[in-house]
């Protein structure tokens, strides 16, 4: 098998273990929140930012934690926190803060017993390998947390499709929200 085929097969192994109903529940949580905030560091942070961008295209009020224009989080807001290990200090701290403000926290992690998972009202378990290569993790040919990040990106796009269905948003409406300054 070529490397591309191997990567696609790894993604399929992980995503096959994730409940479609849980992805629909995630989309419903987003729909019912006042505003959506996303947080992650490194490549996981990039996945979170791409999710925020797509949610903006779908008409959501969404912010990336750490950006200069991000307001304070308040009760009724949603935090989506991404950390493969579930132990990334900055992400865990933000999740704890959001929980203390009576916000729903949705966590995407490989570790359902992590500090991040303990803060979450919904944990989306992504059973991919992490950079730590712990015993019992899925084997991967890829370095570090690549498999986790790829799966998170695909899951976020799937959640966006559910969210778009709930909001009855179509491609033409989404396209109108796309940047016109490029």
Protein backbone atom coordinates (compact mmCIF):
# COMPACT_ATOMS: atom_id res chain seq x y z
CA UNK A 1 0.00 0.00 0.00
CA UNK A 2 1.31 3.47 -0.80
CA UNK A 3 1.71 6.09 1.93
CA UNK A 4 -1.40 8.04 0.88
CA UNK A 5 -3.49 4.88 1.02
CA UNK A 6 -2.03 4.03 4.43
CA UNK A 7 -2.90 7.49 5.82
CA UNK A 8 -6.45 7.27 4.50
CA UNK A 9 -6.81 3.78 5.98
CA UNK A 10 -5.62 5.07 9.38
CA UNK A 11 -8.16 7.91 9.29
CA UNK A 12 -10.91 5.43 8.42
CA UNK A 13 -9.91 3.17 11.33
CA UNK A 14 -10.26 6.05 13.77
CA UNK A 15 -13.39 7.70 12.38
CA UNK A 16 -15.23 4.36 12.12
CA UNK A 17 -15.14 4.22 15.93
CA UNK A 18 -16.94 7.56 16.38
CA UNK A 19 -20.70 7.72 16.81
CA UNK A 20 -22.62 9.72 14.21
CA UNK A 21 -25.20 10.47 16.90
CA UNK A 22 -22.50 12.09 19.02
CA UNK A 23 -21.52 14.33 16.09
CA UNK A 24 -25.17 15.36 15.71
CA UNK A 25 -25.33 16.07 19.47
CA UNK A 26 -22.20 18.23 19.14
CA UNK A 27 -23.87 20.25 16.35
CA UNK A 28 -27.01 20.71 18.48
CA UNK A 29 -24.95 22.00 21.39
CA UNK A 30 -23.33 24.54 19.08
CA UNK A 31 -26.69 25.63 17.74
CA UNK A 32 -28.09 26.20 21.23
CA UNK A 33 -25.18 28.21 22.57
CA UNK A 34 -25.04 32.01 22.51
CA UNK A 35 -21.53 32.19 21.09
CA UNK A 36 -18.85 29.64 20.28
CA UNK A 37 -15.21 29.85 21.36
CA UNK A 38 -12.48 27.46 20.18
CA UNK A 39 -9.09 26.71 21.72
CA UNK A 40 -6.15 24.47 20.93
CA UNK A 41 -2.39 24.74 20.64
CA UNK A 42 -0.04 23.80 17.82
CA UNK A 43 -1.61 21.84 14.98
CA UNK A 44 -4.65 21.11 17.13
CA UNK A 45 -5.05 24.87 17.42
CA UNK A 46 -4.92 25.15 13.64
CA UNK A 47 -7.70 22.57 13.38
CA UNK A 48 -9.72 24.60 15.90
CA UNK A 49 -9.15 27.80 13.89
CA UNK A 50 -10.27 26.12 10.67
CA UNK A 51 -13.41 24.96 12.49
CA UNK A 52 -14.05 28.52 13.70
CA UNK A 53 -13.71 29.81 10.15
CA UNK A 54 -16.18 27.29 8.78
CA UNK A 55 -18.65 28.04 11.59
CA UNK A 56 -18.39 31.74 10.72
CA UNK A 57 -19.22 30.84 7.12
CA UNK A 58 -22.28 29.05 8.48
CA UNK A 59 -23.43 32.17 10.31
CA UNK A 60 -22.24 31.37 13.84
CA UNK A 61 -20.83 33.96 16.20
CA UNK A 62 -17.45 32.37 16.86
CA UNK A 63 -14.13 33.40 18.38
CA UNK A 64 -10.64 31.92 18.70
CA UNK A 65 -9.24 32.09 22.24
CA UNK A 66 -6.02 34.08 22.29
CA UNK A 67 -6.79 36.35 19.34
CA UNK A 68 -6.77 40.08 20.05
CA UNK A 69 -10.44 40.58 19.15
CA UNK A 70 -11.77 37.73 21.30
CA UNK A 71 -14.19 38.96 24.01
CA UNK A 72 -14.69 37.47 27.44
CA UNK A 73 -16.60 34.21 27.63
CA UNK A 74 -19.93 34.31 29.47
CA UNK A 75 -22.57 31.96 30.77
CA UNK A 76 -24.43 30.32 27.90
CA UNK A 77 -21.41 30.33 25.58
CA UNK A 78 -19.81 27.14 24.26
CA UNK A 79 -16.11 26.29 24.37
CA UNK A 80 -14.70 23.73 21.95
CA UNK A 81 -11.33 22.57 23.28
CA UNK A 82 -8.90 20.42 21.28
CA UNK A 83 -5.97 18.52 22.80
CA UNK A 84 -4.79 15.10 21.70
CA UNK A 85 -3.38 14.25 25.12
CA UNK A 86 -6.03 16.17 27.02
CA UNK A 87 -3.25 17.60 29.19
CA UNK A 88 -2.13 20.69 27.26
CA UNK A 89 -1.92 23.20 30.12
CA UNK A 90 -3.23 26.27 28.27
CA UNK A 91 -6.18 24.36 26.82
CA UNK A 92 -7.04 22.76 30.16
CA UNK A 93 -6.85 26.13 31.93
CA UNK A 94 -9.24 27.73 29.40
CA UNK A 95 -11.64 24.78 29.74
CA UNK A 96 -11.59 25.06 33.54
CA UNK A 97 -12.26 28.80 33.28
CA UNK A 98 -15.16 28.26 30.84
CA UNK A 99 -16.68 25.60 33.10
CA UNK A 100 -16.43 27.96 36.09
CA UNK A 101 -18.37 30.54 34.03
CA UNK A 102 -21.22 28.00 33.48
CA UNK A 103 -20.34 27.44 29.85
CA UNK A 104 -20.65 24.12 28.13
CA UNK A 105 -17.28 22.66 27.23
CA UNK A 106 -16.92 20.21 24.36
CA UNK A 107 -13.56 18.42 24.34
CA UNK A 108 -11.89 16.54 21.51
CA UNK A 109 -9.16 14.28 22.86
CA UNK A 110 -7.70 10.79 22.72
CA UNK A 111 -7.81 10.54 26.51
CA UNK A 112 -11.28 10.33 28.06
CA UNK A 113 -9.73 10.30 31.55
CA UNK A 114 -7.66 13.45 31.04
CA UNK A 115 -7.88 16.79 32.82
CA UNK A 116 -9.54 18.26 29.73
CA UNK A 117 -12.17 15.52 29.59
CA UNK A 118 -13.02 16.08 33.26
CA UNK A 119 -14.00 19.70 32.44
CA UNK A 120 -16.22 18.77 29.53
CA UNK A 121 -19.96 18.32 29.31
CA UNK A 122 -19.37 16.37 26.08
CA UNK A 123 -16.19 14.49 25.23
CA UNK A 124 -15.64 13.49 21.63
CA UNK A 125 -13.19 10.62 21.97
CA UNK A 126 -10.88 10.50 18.95
CA UNK A 127 -9.05 7.16 19.37
CA UNK A 128 -5.96 8.15 17.37
CA UNK A 129 -2.27 7.93 18.23
CA UNK A 130 -0.70 10.85 20.07
CA UNK A 131 2.85 12.14 19.99
CA UNK A 132 3.45 10.20 23.23
CA UNK A 133 2.78 6.76 21.67
CA UNK A 134 1.24 5.33 24.82
CA UNK A 135 0.51 1.65 25.21
CA UNK A 136 -2.77 0.72 23.58
CA UNK A 137 -2.82 3.63 21.13
CA UNK A 138 -3.53 2.94 17.49
CA UNK A 139 -0.35 2.32 15.51
CA UNK A 140 0.43 4.91 12.86
CA UNK A 141 3.09 5.48 10.22
CA UNK A 142 2.77 9.24 10.78
CA UNK A 143 4.82 11.43 13.09
CA UNK A 144 3.63 13.03 16.30
CA UNK A 145 -0.13 13.79 16.44
CA UNK A 146 -0.76 13.92 12.70
CA UNK A 147 -3.42 11.22 12.75
CA UNK A 148 -5.31 12.93 15.59
CA UNK A 149 -5.23 16.30 13.81
CA UNK A 150 -6.38 14.83 10.49
CA UNK A 151 -9.26 13.04 12.15
CA UNK A 152 -10.26 16.16 14.08
CA UNK A 153 -10.36 18.14 10.82
CA UNK A 154 -12.64 15.55 9.18
CA UNK A 155 -14.85 15.37 12.28
CA UNK A 156 -15.16 19.16 12.42
CA UNK A 157 -16.24 19.25 8.77
CA UNK A 158 -18.82 16.55 9.49
CA UNK A 159 -20.12 18.51 12.49
CA UNK A 160 -20.38 21.59 10.25
CA UNK A 161 -22.56 19.63 7.82
CA UNK A 162 -24.90 18.70 10.68
CA UNK A 163 -24.85 22.30 11.93
CA UNK A 164 -25.68 23.58 8.43
CA UNK A 165 -28.61 21.16 8.24
CA UNK A 166 -29.92 22.36 11.61
CA UNK A 167 -29.68 25.99 10.49
CA UNK A 168 -30.94 25.19 6.97
CA UNK A 169 -27.90 26.88 5.42
CA UNK A 170 -26.93 26.03 1.85
CA UNK A 171 -23.79 26.49 -0.24
CA UNK A 172 -24.89 29.83 -1.72
CA UNK A 173 -25.48 31.29 1.75
CA UNK A 174 -22.12 30.00 2.96
CA UNK A 175 -20.36 31.44 -0.08
CA UNK A 176 -21.75 34.91 0.72
CA UNK A 177 -19.97 34.74 4.09
CA UNK A 178 -16.63 33.78 2.48
CA UNK A 179 -13.97 36.46 2.36
CA UNK A 180 -14.31 38.79 -0.63
CA UNK A 181 -11.01 40.60 -0.03
CA UNK A 182 -8.69 38.14 -1.72
